[in-house]
Amino acid sequence: MSSSLLIVQFVLAIMLTISVLLQKSSSIGLGAYSGSNDSLFGAKGPASFLTKITMTLGLLFVTNTLTLGYIYNQQKQQSVVDTVKTDRLIPAKPNTSKQIPLVPAVPVIPNSK
């Protein structure tokens, strides 16, 4: 889930950057490539359309950022101890039918007297 949201975050960042650069400003920027005033978007050109798109992309970007922060915070609060499987840590009961000596057998050396 977090990896797909991270990909969406990158796409939103690129689209938001492009929509900001396409808007007209005092130095025109990339807005010069947006077409003339007789365009599909009305008499003002794409200005109001790009403003709405930029605002929508900005809200999506902020929402996605907050969601990613929440998800990563929840993952960080999980402890490593919570993920350990305890069924393998408990030793099995020893087999009473076949006793294994705790001390290894020591060979007895006879006296040569």
Protein backbone atom coordinates (compact mmCIF):
# COMPACT_ATOMS: atom_id res chain seq x y z
CA MET A 1 0.00 0.00 0.00
CA SER A 2 2.71 2.47 0.95
CA SER A 3 4.76 1.74 -2.18
CA SER A 4 1.80 2.47 -4.47
CA LEU A 5 1.07 5.70 -2.59
CA LEU A 6 4.72 6.67 -2.95
CA ILE A 7 4.50 6.20 -6.73
CA VAL A 8 1.32 8.32 -6.76
CA GLN A 9 3.23 10.96 -4.76
CA PHE A 10 5.94 11.19 -7.42
CA VAL A 11 3.38 11.43 -10.22
CA LEU A 12 1.45 14.13 -8.36
CA ALA A 13 4.65 16.10 -7.75
CA ILE A 14 5.53 16.06 -11.46
CA MET A 15 2.00 16.98 -12.55
CA LEU A 16 1.81 19.78 -9.97
CA THR A 17 5.13 21.19 -11.14
CA ILE A 18 4.02 21.15 -14.77
CA SER A 19 0.68 22.80 -13.99
CA VAL A 20 2.41 25.58 -12.06
CA LEU A 21 4.92 26.17 -14.84
CA LEU A 22 2.18 26.34 -17.51
CA GLN A 23 0.41 29.23 -15.78
CA LYS A 24 1.11 32.72 -16.98
CA SER A 25 3.15 34.90 -14.71
CA SER A 26 4.98 38.22 -15.02
CA SER A 27 7.85 36.47 -16.79
CA ILE A 28 5.42 34.29 -18.85
CA GLY A 29 7.31 31.05 -18.01
CA LEU A 30 6.05 28.05 -19.95
CA GLY A 31 2.64 29.68 -20.25
CA ALA A 32 3.61 30.95 -23.69
CA TYR A 33 3.11 27.43 -25.03
CA SER A 34 -0.48 27.19 -23.79
CA GLY A 35 -2.08 28.70 -26.90
CA SER A 36 -3.97 31.85 -27.81
CA ASN A 37 -7.00 33.48 -26.19
CA ASP A 38 -9.37 31.82 -28.68
CA SER A 39 -8.87 28.45 -27.12
CA LEU A 40 -11.16 25.73 -25.93
CA PHE A 41 -11.10 27.04 -22.35
CA GLY A 42 -12.84 30.39 -22.98
CA ALA A 43 -11.96 34.06 -23.45
CA LYS A 44 -9.43 34.10 -20.62
CA GLY A 45 -7.62 31.15 -22.10
CA PRO A 46 -6.50 28.30 -19.91
CA ALA A 47 -5.85 30.53 -16.86
CA SER A 48 -8.88 29.58 -14.79
CA PHE A 49 -8.70 25.95 -15.93
CA LEU A 50 -5.04 25.68 -14.94
CA THR A 51 -5.78 27.38 -11.62
CA LYS A 52 -8.45 24.78 -10.84
CA ILE A 53 -6.20 21.92 -11.91
CA THR A 54 -3.32 23.28 -9.81
CA MET A 55 -5.57 23.65 -6.77
CA THR A 56 -6.92 20.10 -7.19
CA LEU A 57 -3.46 18.62 -7.66
CA GLY A 58 -2.21 20.56 -4.64
CA LEU A 59 -5.00 19.21 -2.44
CA LEU A 60 -4.37 15.65 -3.67
CA PHE A 61 -0.64 16.09 -3.02
CA VAL A 62 -1.19 17.30 0.54
CA THR A 63 -3.73 14.54 1.26
CA ASN A 64 -1.39 11.88 -0.11
CA THR A 65 1.50 13.30 1.92
CA LEU A 66 -0.52 13.14 5.13
CA THR A 67 -1.66 9.59 4.34
CA LEU A 68 1.91 8.47 3.68
CA GLY A 69 3.06 10.08 6.92
CA TYR A 70 0.36 8.28 8.88
CA ILE A 71 1.17 4.91 7.30
CA TYR A 72 4.92 5.26 7.87
CA ASN A 73 4.32 6.36 11.47
CA GLN A 74 2.17 3.28 12.13
CA GLN A 75 4.87 1.03 10.66
CA LYS A 76 7.54 2.72 12.77
CA GLN A 77 5.61 2.20 16.01
CA GLN A 78 5.54 -1.57 15.54
CA SER A 79 8.17 -3.29 17.63
CA VAL A 80 10.50 -5.99 16.37
CA VAL A 81 9.40 -8.08 19.35
CA ASP A 82 5.82 -8.01 18.00
CA THR A 83 6.92 -9.77 14.82
CA VAL A 84 8.85 -12.62 16.51
CA LYS A 85 7.15 -16.00 16.30
CA THR A 86 7.00 -17.30 19.84
CA ASP A 87 6.10 -20.88 18.97
CA ARG A 88 9.67 -21.54 17.88
CA LEU A 89 11.22 -19.91 20.94
CA ILE A 90 9.61 -22.29 23.45
CA PRO A 91 11.74 -25.42 23.78
CA ALA A 92 10.06 -28.74 23.27
CA LYS A 93 9.57 -31.09 26.22
CA PRO A 94 12.44 -33.53 26.52
CA ASN A 95 11.79 -37.10 25.48
CA THR A 96 11.68 -39.12 28.73
CA SER A 97 12.00 -42.49 27.04
CA LYS A 98 15.53 -41.83 25.89
CA GLN A 99 17.58 -39.99 28.49
CA ILE A 100 20.65 -38.16 27.27
CA PRO A 101 23.35 -37.82 29.96
CA LEU A 102 24.17 -34.27 30.91
CA VAL A 103 27.86 -35.06 31.46
CA PRO A 104 29.71 -36.91 28.72
CA ALA A 105 31.03 -40.32 29.66
CA VAL A 106 34.67 -40.29 30.79
CA PRO A 107 36.69 -43.37 29.93
CA VAL A 108 38.10 -45.15 32.97
CA ILE A 109 41.82 -45.90 32.81
CA PRO A 110 42.81 -48.93 34.94
CA ASN A 111 45.68 -48.55 37.41
CA SER A 112 48.85 -50.30 36.31
CA LYS A 113 49.96 -51.27 39.84
